[in-house]
Amino acid sequence: MKTEKEIQSFIISRKIQGLKAVVSYYKDARLPEHKEIHGYSQAEALNRAEEKLESFLIDVRNYQEHKRFELLEISKQEKANYIRSYAIDQRQKADDFRDNHYIKFASLRRCIKAIQQLKGMYPELGIYSNHWLSLHKRISLN
């Protein structure tokens, strides 16, 4: 399914961006009392962050080789957050391309598919209103 692949690549790119941001933070931050508060130094935190990034990049290479998304170490909660971010991005894209009906409706379709995937992961979301799941916009989820 094309949307599923798009969501997977979105999740991977966002996770890599997040890990790179953590590495960048520890490289540039000035945290003098970091060891006293956390029990490890800023250099150790940087090493851990770099190891996590490298480990995830290796997992991505394995994913690309075997085409199995389960090989990536992404928790269910992380995946749900990334899927919701994807849905929000698609909804925003639909708003941005209001005059181009093809882009608008394709983006809305992707948004709805992402939300349905979320509801599949967490059936309890079905008890909440479609208003929340549709990102406070008037779109049908059925």
N, C-alpha and C. Protein backbone atom coordinates (compact mmCIF):
# COMPACT_ATOMS: atom_id res chain seq x y z
N MET A 1 0.85 -1.17 0.00
CA MET A 1 0.00 0.00 0.00
C MET A 1 0.90 1.24 0.00
N LYS A 2 0.61 2.15 -0.92
CA LYS A 2 1.45 3.33 -1.09
C LYS A 2 1.45 4.22 0.16
N THR A 3 0.29 4.42 0.75
CA THR A 3 0.21 5.28 1.94
C THR A 3 1.00 4.68 3.09
N GLU A 4 0.96 3.35 3.23
CA GLU A 4 1.71 2.67 4.29
C GLU A 4 3.21 2.93 4.12
N LYS A 5 3.71 2.84 2.90
CA LYS A 5 5.13 3.10 2.64
C LYS A 5 5.47 4.56 2.94
N GLU A 6 4.57 5.48 2.56
CA GLU A 6 4.79 6.90 2.85
C GLU A 6 4.87 7.14 4.35
N ILE A 7 3.97 6.51 5.09
CA ILE A 7 3.97 6.67 6.54
C ILE A 7 5.24 6.10 7.14
N GLN A 8 5.67 4.94 6.65
CA GLN A 8 6.90 4.33 7.16
C GLN A 8 8.12 5.22 6.88
N SER A 9 8.21 5.77 5.67
CA SER A 9 9.35 6.64 5.37
C SER A 9 9.27 7.94 6.17
N PHE A 10 8.05 8.43 6.42
CA PHE A 10 7.86 9.61 7.27
C PHE A 10 8.35 9.33 8.69
N ILE A 11 7.97 8.17 9.23
CA ILE A 11 8.39 7.79 10.58
C ILE A 11 9.91 7.70 10.66
N ILE A 12 10.52 7.06 9.68
CA ILE A 12 11.98 6.90 9.68
C ILE A 12 12.66 8.25 9.62
N SER A 13 12.21 9.12 8.71
CA SER A 13 12.87 10.42 8.58
C SER A 13 12.70 11.27 9.83
N ARG A 14 11.51 11.25 10.44
CA ARG A 14 11.29 12.02 11.66
C ARG A 14 12.12 11.49 12.82
N LYS A 15 12.24 10.16 12.91
CA LYS A 15 13.04 9.56 13.99
C LYS A 15 14.51 9.94 13.82
N ILE A 16 15.01 9.90 12.60
CA ILE A 16 16.40 10.29 12.33
C ILE A 16 16.60 11.76 12.66
N GLN A 17 15.66 12.62 12.26
CA GLN A 17 15.75 14.04 12.59
C GLN A 17 15.81 14.25 14.09
N GLY A 18 14.98 13.53 14.82
CA GLY A 18 14.96 13.66 16.28
C GLY A 18 16.27 13.22 16.91
N LEU A 19 16.79 12.09 16.46
CA LEU A 19 18.06 11.59 17.01
C LEU A 19 19.22 12.53 16.67
N LYS A 20 19.21 13.07 15.45
CA LYS A 20 20.26 14.03 15.08
C LYS A 20 20.15 15.31 15.91
N ALA A 21 18.92 15.72 16.22
CA ALA A 21 18.73 16.91 17.06
C ALA A 21 19.28 16.68 18.46
N VAL A 22 19.10 15.48 19.00
CA VAL A 22 19.64 15.16 20.33
C VAL A 22 21.16 15.20 20.30
N VAL A 23 21.76 14.61 19.27
CA VAL A 23 23.22 14.63 19.14
C VAL A 23 23.71 16.06 19.03
N SER A 24 23.06 16.85 18.20
CA SER A 24 23.43 18.26 18.04
C SER A 24 23.31 19.02 19.35
N TYR A 25 22.26 18.74 20.10
CA TYR A 25 22.06 19.40 21.39
C TYR A 25 23.23 19.12 22.33
N TYR A 26 23.62 17.87 22.45
CA TYR A 26 24.71 17.53 23.36
C TYR A 26 26.06 18.04 22.87
N LYS A 27 26.22 18.21 21.56
CA LYS A 27 27.47 18.77 21.03
C LYS A 27 27.58 20.25 21.35
N ASP A 28 26.45 20.97 21.23
CA ASP A 28 26.47 22.43 21.35
C ASP A 28 26.12 22.95 22.74
N ALA A 29 25.48 22.13 23.55
CA ALA A 29 24.98 22.61 24.85
C ALA A 29 26.12 22.81 25.84
N ARG A 30 25.90 23.74 26.73
CA ARG A 30 26.84 23.98 27.83
C ARG A 30 26.12 23.59 29.11
N LEU A 31 26.42 22.41 29.59
CA LEU A 31 25.72 21.87 30.76
C LEU A 31 26.74 21.59 31.86
N PRO A 32 27.13 22.59 32.64
CA PRO A 32 28.20 22.41 33.63
C PRO A 32 27.88 21.41 34.73
N GLU A 33 26.65 21.39 35.23
CA GLU A 33 26.33 20.50 36.35
C GLU A 33 25.62 19.23 35.87
N HIS A 34 25.79 18.88 34.63
CA HIS A 34 25.10 17.72 34.06
C HIS A 34 25.41 16.44 34.82
N LYS A 35 26.67 16.23 35.19
CA LYS A 35 27.06 14.99 35.88
C LYS A 35 26.42 14.91 37.26
N GLU A 36 26.36 16.02 37.97
CA GLU A 36 25.77 16.01 39.31
C GLU A 36 24.27 15.71 39.27
N ILE A 37 23.60 16.19 38.25
CA ILE A 37 22.15 16.00 38.16
C ILE A 37 21.80 14.62 37.62
N HIS A 38 22.45 14.22 36.53
CA HIS A 38 22.06 12.99 35.84
C HIS A 38 22.94 11.79 36.16
N GLY A 39 24.09 11.99 36.75
CA GLY A 39 24.96 10.88 37.08
C GLY A 39 25.91 10.49 35.96
N TYR A 40 25.88 11.21 34.86
CA TYR A 40 26.83 10.97 33.78
C TYR A 40 27.14 12.31 33.12
N SER A 41 28.30 12.36 32.49
CA SER A 41 28.77 13.63 31.94
C SER A 41 28.09 13.92 30.60
N GLN A 42 28.29 15.15 30.14
CA GLN A 42 27.75 15.55 28.85
C GLN A 42 28.39 14.73 27.74
N ALA A 43 29.68 14.43 27.86
CA ALA A 43 30.37 13.62 26.85
C ALA A 43 29.78 12.21 26.79
N GLU A 44 29.46 11.66 27.96
CA GLU A 44 28.83 10.33 27.99
C GLU A 44 27.44 10.38 27.36
N ALA A 45 26.71 11.45 27.63
CA ALA A 45 25.38 11.61 27.04
C ALA A 45 25.49 11.74 25.52
N LEU A 46 26.50 12.47 25.05
CA LEU A 46 26.73 12.61 23.62
C LEU A 46 27.06 11.25 23.00
N ASN A 47 27.91 10.48 23.67
CA ASN A 47 28.26 9.15 23.15
C ASN A 47 27.03 8.26 23.06
N ARG A 48 26.18 8.30 24.09
CA ARG A 48 24.94 7.50 24.07
C ARG A 48 24.04 7.92 22.91
N ALA A 49 23.90 9.22 22.74
CA ALA A 49 23.04 9.73 21.65
C ALA A 49 23.59 9.32 20.29
N GLU A 50 24.91 9.42 20.12
CA GLU A 50 25.53 9.01 18.85
C GLU A 50 25.37 7.51 18.62
N GLU A 51 25.48 6.72 19.68
CA GLU A 51 25.29 5.27 19.56
C GLU A 51 23.86 4.94 19.16
N LYS A 52 22.89 5.64 19.76
CA LYS A 52 21.48 5.42 19.40
C LYS A 52 21.24 5.76 17.94
N LEU A 53 21.81 6.89 17.49
CA LEU A 53 21.65 7.30 16.10
C LEU A 53 22.27 6.27 15.17
N GLU A 54 23.49 5.85 15.46
CA GLU A 54 24.18 4.87 14.61
C GLU A 54 23.42 3.54 14.60
N SER A 55 22.94 3.12 15.75
CA SER A 55 22.17 1.88 15.85
C SER A 55 20.89 1.96 15.00
N PHE A 56 20.22 3.11 15.07
CA PHE A 56 18.99 3.26 14.29
C PHE A 56 19.30 3.29 12.80
N LEU A 57 20.40 3.92 12.41
CA LEU A 57 20.77 3.95 10.99
C LEU A 57 21.09 2.54 10.48
N ILE A 58 21.70 1.72 11.32
CA ILE A 58 21.94 0.31 10.96
C ILE A 58 20.61 -0.42 10.80
N ASP A 59 19.69 -0.17 11.73
CA ASP A 59 18.36 -0.78 11.63
C ASP A 59 17.65 -0.35 10.35
N VAL A 60 17.83 0.91 9.95
CA VAL A 60 17.21 1.41 8.72
C VAL A 60 17.79 0.68 7.51
N ARG A 61 19.11 0.46 7.52
CA ARG A 61 19.73 -0.29 6.41
C ARG A 61 19.17 -1.71 6.35
N ASN A 62 18.99 -2.34 7.52
CA ASN A 62 18.40 -3.68 7.55
C ASN A 62 16.96 -3.65 7.04
N TYR A 63 16.22 -2.61 7.42
CA TYR A 63 14.84 -2.46 6.95
C TYR A 63 14.81 -2.34 5.43
N GLN A 64 15.71 -1.53 4.88
CA GLN A 64 15.75 -1.34 3.43
C GLN A 64 16.12 -2.63 2.71
N GLU A 65 16.95 -3.43 3.34
CA GLU A 65 17.37 -4.69 2.74
C GLU A 65 16.26 -5.74 2.79
N HIS A 66 15.58 -5.85 3.93
CA HIS A 66 14.60 -6.91 4.13
C HIS A 66 13.16 -6.46 3.98
N LYS A 67 12.92 -5.15 3.90
CA LYS A 67 11.57 -4.57 3.75
C LYS A 67 10.63 -5.00 4.87
N ARG A 68 11.16 -5.07 6.08
CA ARG A 68 10.33 -5.43 7.24
C ARG A 68 10.44 -4.31 8.26
N PHE A 69 9.34 -3.58 8.42
CA PHE A 69 9.31 -2.41 9.31
C PHE A 69 9.51 -2.81 10.77
N GLU A 70 9.17 -4.05 11.11
CA GLU A 70 9.31 -4.52 12.49
C GLU A 70 10.76 -4.54 12.95
N LEU A 71 11.71 -4.56 12.00
CA LEU A 71 13.13 -4.59 12.35
C LEU A 71 13.58 -3.30 13.02
N LEU A 72 12.83 -2.23 12.81
CA LEU A 72 13.18 -0.95 13.43
C LEU A 72 12.70 -0.94 14.87
N GLU A 73 13.52 -0.40 15.74
CA GLU A 73 13.14 -0.32 17.15
C GLU A 73 12.36 0.97 17.40
N ILE A 74 11.07 0.91 17.07
CA ILE A 74 10.18 2.04 17.28
C ILE A 74 9.01 1.53 18.11
N SER A 75 8.80 2.15 19.26
CA SER A 75 7.72 1.70 20.14
C SER A 75 6.36 2.03 19.53
N LYS A 76 5.35 1.36 20.03
CA LYS A 76 3.99 1.58 19.54
C LYS A 76 3.56 3.03 19.77
N GLN A 77 3.94 3.59 20.92
CA GLN A 77 3.57 4.97 21.22
C GLN A 77 4.27 5.94 20.27
N GLU A 78 5.57 5.68 20.01
CA GLU A 78 6.31 6.53 19.06
C GLU A 78 5.65 6.48 17.69
N LYS A 79 5.34 5.26 17.25
CA LYS A 79 4.73 5.09 15.94
C LYS A 79 3.40 5.84 15.87
N ALA A 80 2.60 5.74 16.92
CA ALA A 80 1.31 6.45 16.94
C ALA A 80 1.52 7.96 16.87
N ASN A 81 2.51 8.47 17.60
CA ASN A 81 2.79 9.91 17.56
C ASN A 81 3.24 10.35 16.17
N TYR A 82 4.09 9.54 15.53
CA TYR A 82 4.55 9.88 14.18
C TYR A 82 3.40 9.81 13.18
N ILE A 83 2.53 8.83 13.33
CA ILE A 83 1.39 8.72 12.41
C ILE A 83 0.47 9.92 12.57
N ARG A 84 0.24 10.34 13.79
CA ARG A 84 -0.61 11.53 14.01
C ARG A 84 0.07 12.77 13.42
N SER A 85 1.39 12.88 13.57
CA SER A 85 2.11 14.01 12.96
C SER A 85 1.97 13.98 11.44
N TYR A 86 2.04 12.77 10.86
CA TYR A 86 1.86 12.62 9.42
C TYR A 86 0.47 13.09 9.01
N ALA A 87 -0.54 12.68 9.78
CA ALA A 87 -1.91 13.10 9.47
C ALA A 87 -2.05 14.62 9.55
N ILE A 88 -1.45 15.21 10.56
CA ILE A 88 -1.50 16.67 10.70
C ILE A 88 -0.80 17.34 9.52
N ASP A 89 0.36 16.81 9.12
CA ASP A 89 1.07 17.38 7.97
C ASP A 89 0.24 17.28 6.70
N GLN A 90 -0.42 16.14 6.50
CA GLN A 90 -1.25 15.97 5.30
C GLN A 90 -2.45 16.91 5.33
N ARG A 91 -3.03 17.09 6.50
CA ARG A 91 -4.16 18.02 6.63
C ARG A 91 -3.69 19.45 6.34
N GLN A 92 -2.52 19.80 6.83
CA GLN A 92 -1.98 21.13 6.57
C GLN A 92 -1.69 21.32 5.08
N LYS A 93 -1.17 20.26 4.45
CA LYS A 93 -0.91 20.32 3.01
C LYS A 93 -2.22 20.54 2.24
N ALA A 94 -3.28 19.87 2.67
CA ALA A 94 -4.59 20.07 2.03
C ALA A 94 -5.06 21.51 2.19
N ASP A 95 -4.82 22.09 3.35
CA ASP A 95 -5.19 23.49 3.57
C ASP A 95 -4.33 24.43 2.71
N ASP A 96 -3.04 24.11 2.58
CA ASP A 96 -2.14 24.96 1.80
C ASP A 96 -2.48 24.94 0.31
N PHE A 97 -2.94 23.78 -0.19
CA PHE A 97 -3.25 23.65 -1.61
C PHE A 97 -4.77 23.65 -1.82
N ARG A 98 -5.43 24.58 -1.20
CA ARG A 98 -6.88 24.68 -1.25
C ARG A 98 -7.41 24.81 -2.68
N ASP A 99 -6.67 25.48 -3.55
CA ASP A 99 -7.14 25.72 -4.92
C ASP A 99 -6.86 24.54 -5.86
N ASN A 100 -5.93 23.68 -5.51
CA ASN A 100 -5.61 22.53 -6.34
C ASN A 100 -6.35 21.32 -5.77
N HIS A 101 -7.46 20.97 -6.41
CA HIS A 101 -8.32 19.92 -5.86
C HIS A 101 -7.64 18.55 -5.83
N TYR A 102 -6.79 18.28 -6.81
CA TYR A 102 -6.12 16.97 -6.84
C TYR A 102 -5.23 16.81 -5.60
N ILE A 103 -4.38 17.79 -5.34
CA ILE A 103 -3.48 17.72 -4.18
C ILE A 103 -4.29 17.74 -2.89
N LYS A 104 -5.30 18.59 -2.86
CA LYS A 104 -6.12 18.72 -1.65
C LYS A 104 -6.76 17.38 -1.27
N PHE A 105 -7.43 16.74 -2.23
CA PHE A 105 -8.13 15.49 -1.91
C PHE A 105 -7.18 14.32 -1.71
N ALA A 106 -6.06 14.31 -2.42
CA ALA A 106 -5.06 13.25 -2.19
C ALA A 106 -4.50 13.37 -0.77
N SER A 107 -4.24 14.59 -0.34
CA SER A 107 -3.73 14.81 1.01
C SER A 107 -4.77 14.43 2.06
N LEU A 108 -6.02 14.78 1.81
CA LEU A 108 -7.08 14.40 2.75
C LEU A 108 -7.24 12.88 2.83
N ARG A 109 -7.11 12.20 1.67
CA ARG A 109 -7.18 10.73 1.69
C ARG A 109 -6.07 10.14 2.53
N ARG A 110 -4.85 10.67 2.37
CA ARG A 110 -3.71 10.18 3.17
C ARG A 110 -3.94 10.46 4.66
N CYS A 111 -4.47 11.62 4.95
CA CYS A 111 -4.77 11.98 6.34
C CYS A 111 -5.76 11.00 6.95
N ILE A 112 -6.82 10.70 6.22
CA ILE A 112 -7.84 9.79 6.72
C ILE A 112 -7.28 8.38 6.88
N LYS A 113 -6.47 7.93 5.92
CA LYS A 113 -5.87 6.59 6.04
C LYS A 113 -4.95 6.51 7.25
N ALA A 114 -4.22 7.57 7.51
CA ALA A 114 -3.34 7.59 8.68
C ALA A 114 -4.17 7.52 9.96
N ILE A 115 -5.25 8.27 10.00
CA ILE A 115 -6.11 8.26 11.18
C ILE A 115 -6.76 6.90 11.37
N GLN A 116 -7.15 6.26 10.27
CA GLN A 116 -7.72 4.91 10.37
C GLN A 116 -6.67 3.92 10.87
N GLN A 117 -5.43 4.10 10.45
CA GLN A 117 -4.36 3.24 10.95
C GLN A 117 -4.18 3.45 12.45
N LEU A 118 -4.27 4.70 12.88
CA LEU A 118 -4.20 4.99 14.32
C LEU A 118 -5.33 4.30 15.07
N LYS A 119 -6.52 4.37 14.52
CA LYS A 119 -7.66 3.72 15.17
C LYS A 119 -7.48 2.20 15.18
N GLY A 120 -6.79 1.66 14.18
CA GLY A 120 -6.50 0.23 14.17
C GLY A 120 -5.50 -0.16 15.25
N MET A 121 -4.54 0.73 15.51
CA MET A 121 -3.54 0.47 16.55
C MET A 121 -4.15 0.60 17.93
N TYR A 122 -5.01 1.58 18.08
CA TYR A 122 -5.64 1.86 19.37
C TYR A 122 -7.16 1.88 19.19
N PRO A 123 -7.81 0.72 19.26
CA PRO A 123 -9.26 0.68 19.05
C PRO A 123 -10.03 1.58 20.01
N GLU A 124 -9.45 1.83 21.18
CA GLU A 124 -10.14 2.69 22.14
C GLU A 124 -10.31 4.12 21.63
N LEU A 125 -9.55 4.49 20.60
CA LEU A 125 -9.74 5.83 20.02
C LEU A 125 -11.10 5.94 19.34
N GLY A 126 -11.68 4.82 18.98
CA GLY A 126 -12.99 4.83 18.34
C GLY A 126 -14.09 5.36 19.24
N ILE A 127 -13.86 5.33 20.56
CA ILE A 127 -14.90 5.84 21.47
C ILE A 127 -14.90 7.36 21.54
N TYR A 128 -13.80 7.97 21.10
CA TYR A 128 -13.75 9.43 21.10
C TYR A 128 -14.39 9.95 19.82
N SER A 129 -14.63 11.21 19.80
CA SER A 129 -15.32 11.78 18.64
C SER A 129 -14.42 11.80 17.42
N ASN A 130 -15.05 11.71 16.27
CA ASN A 130 -14.32 11.86 15.02
C ASN A 130 -13.75 13.27 14.90
N HIS A 131 -14.33 14.20 15.65
CA HIS A 131 -13.84 15.58 15.62
C HIS A 131 -12.37 15.64 16.03
N TRP A 132 -12.01 14.94 17.11
CA TRP A 132 -10.61 14.93 17.56
C TRP A 132 -9.74 14.18 16.56
N LEU A 133 -10.21 13.01 16.13
CA LEU A 133 -9.40 12.20 15.23
C LEU A 133 -9.23 12.85 13.87
N SER A 134 -10.18 13.67 13.46
CA SER A 134 -10.05 14.34 12.18
C SER A 134 -9.34 15.68 12.33
N LEU A 135 -8.67 15.84 13.45
CA LEU A 135 -7.82 17.01 13.69
C LEU A 135 -8.65 18.29 13.72
N HIS A 136 -9.85 18.18 14.28
CA HIS A 136 -10.75 19.32 14.47
C HIS A 136 -11.21 19.92 13.14
N LYS A 137 -11.25 19.12 12.11
CA LYS A 137 -11.74 19.57 10.81
C LYS A 137 -12.96 18.74 10.45
N ARG A 138 -13.73 19.20 9.52
CA ARG A 138 -14.92 18.46 9.11
C ARG A 138 -14.56 17.50 7.98
N ILE A 139 -14.10 16.32 8.34
CA ILE A 139 -13.87 15.27 7.35
C ILE A 139 -14.42 13.98 7.92
N SER A 140 -14.92 13.15 7.06
CA SER A 140 -15.51 11.89 7.50
C SER A 140 -14.43 10.83 7.63
N LEU A 141 -14.56 9.99 8.64
CA LEU A 141 -13.60 8.91 8.83
C LEU A 141 -14.19 7.56 8.45
N ASN A 142 -15.36 7.54 7.90
CA ASN A 142 -16.01 6.27 7.56
C ASN A 142 -15.82 5.92 6.10
